[in-house]
């Protein structure tokens, strides 16, 4: 009998490296934990559900598993301010986005608002649609951390 698999979806290698040992201890379930590194923010994609499904199925095939073997999918995300009020986004001449406690500075406010709108809708849709799906929010980085 195969143990159930937990899929942990992260944006990059650094999340996988930093979370691997920690999650093994926290979720000492006897289940296997498989990381899937998306190499970017899939939530800014127009079809994140489809993209994630493709990547997960591809990984399961490599590991000779099926969706029935999956106990849980955990997606660790950065909110990047997508739920912030538009009034708190300040357009400046700064080319790099700067996060502050109560505001975000950027060079193109309307573009950032559009990106945040897509990301917010995708988060809500994924949370409502996908079975066995959990989101963990990374709230760090508000002060440029």
Protein backbone atom coordinates (compact mmCIF):
# COMPACT_ATOMS: atom_id res chain seq x y z
CA UNK A 1 0.00 0.00 0.00
CA UNK A 2 1.37 3.40 -1.00
CA UNK A 3 1.36 6.24 1.49
CA UNK A 4 -0.66 9.28 0.61
CA UNK A 5 1.25 12.15 -0.97
CA UNK A 6 1.11 15.80 0.00
CA UNK A 7 1.94 18.16 -2.86
CA UNK A 8 3.55 21.45 -1.82
CA UNK A 9 3.58 24.03 -4.61
CA UNK A 10 6.09 26.87 -4.27
CA UNK A 11 7.32 29.70 -6.51
CA UNK A 12 11.03 28.95 -6.44
CA UNK A 13 13.89 26.74 -5.30
CA UNK A 14 14.59 28.82 -2.19
CA UNK A 15 11.11 28.08 -0.81
CA UNK A 16 11.60 24.37 -1.38
CA UNK A 17 15.02 24.34 0.26
CA UNK A 18 13.91 26.35 3.27
CA UNK A 19 10.63 24.51 3.82
CA UNK A 20 11.55 20.90 3.10
CA UNK A 21 12.86 19.93 6.54
CA UNK A 22 10.41 22.16 8.40
CA UNK A 23 7.35 20.71 6.69
CA UNK A 24 8.56 17.16 7.21
CA UNK A 25 8.59 17.86 10.96
CA UNK A 26 5.38 19.87 11.11
CA UNK A 27 3.40 17.41 9.03
CA UNK A 28 4.81 14.25 10.55
CA UNK A 29 1.93 12.32 9.05
CA UNK A 30 3.84 9.43 7.57
CA UNK A 31 2.73 10.72 4.19
CA UNK A 32 5.23 11.68 1.54
CA UNK A 33 5.77 15.35 0.75
CA UNK A 34 6.52 16.24 -2.87
CA UNK A 35 7.56 19.75 -3.80
CA UNK A 36 6.64 21.30 -7.11
CA UNK A 37 8.61 24.42 -7.98
CA UNK A 38 6.69 26.65 -10.40
CA UNK A 39 9.69 28.90 -11.18
CA UNK A 40 7.55 31.99 -10.89
CA UNK A 41 4.21 33.24 -9.73
CA UNK A 42 1.56 31.05 -11.37
CA UNK A 43 -1.17 33.22 -9.85
CA UNK A 44 -0.45 36.05 -12.29
CA UNK A 45 -1.17 33.62 -15.15
CA UNK A 46 -4.57 33.92 -16.86
CA UNK A 47 -5.24 30.19 -16.31
CA UNK A 48 -3.44 29.19 -13.09
CA UNK A 49 -5.75 26.26 -12.35
CA UNK A 50 -4.97 24.67 -15.72
CA UNK A 51 -1.23 25.37 -15.41
CA UNK A 52 -1.03 23.95 -11.89
CA UNK A 53 -3.03 20.87 -12.86
CA UNK A 54 -0.69 20.20 -15.80
CA UNK A 55 2.42 20.57 -13.65
CA UNK A 56 1.01 18.42 -10.83
CA UNK A 57 -0.07 15.64 -13.20
CA UNK A 58 3.33 15.75 -14.92
CA UNK A 59 5.10 15.40 -11.56
CA UNK A 60 2.82 12.56 -10.49
CA UNK A 61 3.60 10.68 -13.72
CA UNK A 62 7.34 11.05 -13.05
CA UNK A 63 6.80 9.61 -9.56
CA UNK A 64 4.46 6.90 -10.91
CA UNK A 65 1.52 8.23 -8.90
CA UNK A 66 -2.04 9.27 -9.70
CA UNK A 67 -4.34 11.99 -8.38
CA UNK A 68 -5.93 9.33 -6.13
CA UNK A 69 -2.59 9.11 -4.30
CA UNK A 70 -2.77 12.81 -3.35
CA UNK A 71 -3.96 13.52 0.17
CA UNK A 72 -3.53 17.28 0.03
CA UNK A 73 -2.21 20.11 -2.15
CA UNK A 74 -0.65 23.01 -0.29
CA UNK A 75 0.19 26.11 -2.30
CA UNK A 76 2.53 28.52 -0.54
CA UNK A 77 2.11 31.96 -2.06
CA UNK A 78 3.22 35.53 -1.72
CA UNK A 79 0.27 37.89 -1.62
CA UNK A 80 2.46 40.68 -3.02
CA UNK A 81 -0.12 43.19 -1.86
CA UNK A 82 -2.90 41.97 -4.15
CA UNK A 83 -5.53 42.65 -1.46
CA UNK A 84 -4.32 46.18 -0.71
CA UNK A 85 -6.63 49.14 -1.39
CA UNK A 86 -5.84 50.92 -4.65
CA UNK A 87 -5.40 54.19 -2.75
CA UNK A 88 -2.41 52.64 -0.99
CA UNK A 89 -0.58 52.07 -4.27
CA UNK A 90 1.57 55.10 -5.02
CA UNK A 91 3.00 55.80 -8.43
CA UNK A 92 6.61 57.01 -8.27
CA UNK A 93 9.67 57.13 -10.51
CA UNK A 94 11.10 54.08 -8.73
CA UNK A 95 11.56 51.23 -11.20
CA UNK A 96 11.51 48.56 -8.48
CA UNK A 97 8.35 47.90 -6.49
CA UNK A 98 8.80 48.96 -2.86
CA UNK A 99 6.60 47.51 -0.14
CA UNK A 100 5.88 49.52 3.02
CA UNK A 101 3.65 48.82 6.02
CA UNK A 102 0.72 50.80 4.62
CA UNK A 103 1.58 51.37 0.96
CA UNK A 104 3.30 50.11 -2.15
CA UNK A 105 5.37 52.29 -4.48
CA UNK A 106 5.68 51.46 -8.16
CA UNK A 107 6.38 53.06 -11.52
CA UNK A 108 3.06 52.08 -13.16
CA UNK A 109 0.11 52.09 -10.76
CA UNK A 110 -2.53 50.98 -13.27
CA UNK A 111 -0.42 48.03 -14.43
CA UNK A 112 0.18 46.92 -10.84
CA UNK A 113 -3.52 47.26 -10.02
CA UNK A 114 -4.33 45.07 -13.03
CA UNK A 115 -1.76 42.44 -11.97
CA UNK A 116 -3.08 42.45 -8.41
CA UNK A 117 -6.67 42.13 -9.65
CA UNK A 118 -5.78 39.04 -11.71
CA UNK A 119 -3.83 37.52 -8.82
CA UNK A 120 -6.61 38.19 -6.29
CA UNK A 121 -9.28 36.64 -8.55
CA UNK A 122 -7.05 33.62 -9.19
CA UNK A 123 -6.48 33.08 -5.48
CA UNK A 124 -10.21 33.23 -4.80
CA UNK A 125 -11.07 30.91 -7.71
CA UNK A 126 -8.44 28.33 -6.81
CA UNK A 127 -9.52 28.31 -3.20
CA UNK A 128 -13.18 27.83 -4.15
CA UNK A 129 -12.74 25.27 -6.94
CA UNK A 130 -9.99 22.85 -6.11
CA UNK A 131 -10.62 19.95 -3.77
CA UNK A 132 -7.79 19.02 -1.38
CA UNK A 133 -6.29 22.49 -1.92
CA UNK A 134 -4.94 24.71 0.84
CA UNK A 135 -3.22 28.08 0.58
CA UNK A 136 -0.53 29.29 2.93
CA UNK A 137 0.11 33.01 2.75
CA UNK A 138 3.62 34.42 2.99
CA UNK A 139 3.09 37.79 4.61
CA UNK A 140 6.77 38.57 4.95
CA UNK A 141 8.44 41.14 2.79
CA UNK A 142 6.17 44.06 3.57
CA UNK A 143 9.21 46.11 4.51
CA UNK A 144 11.34 44.85 1.66
CA UNK A 145 12.40 41.69 3.52
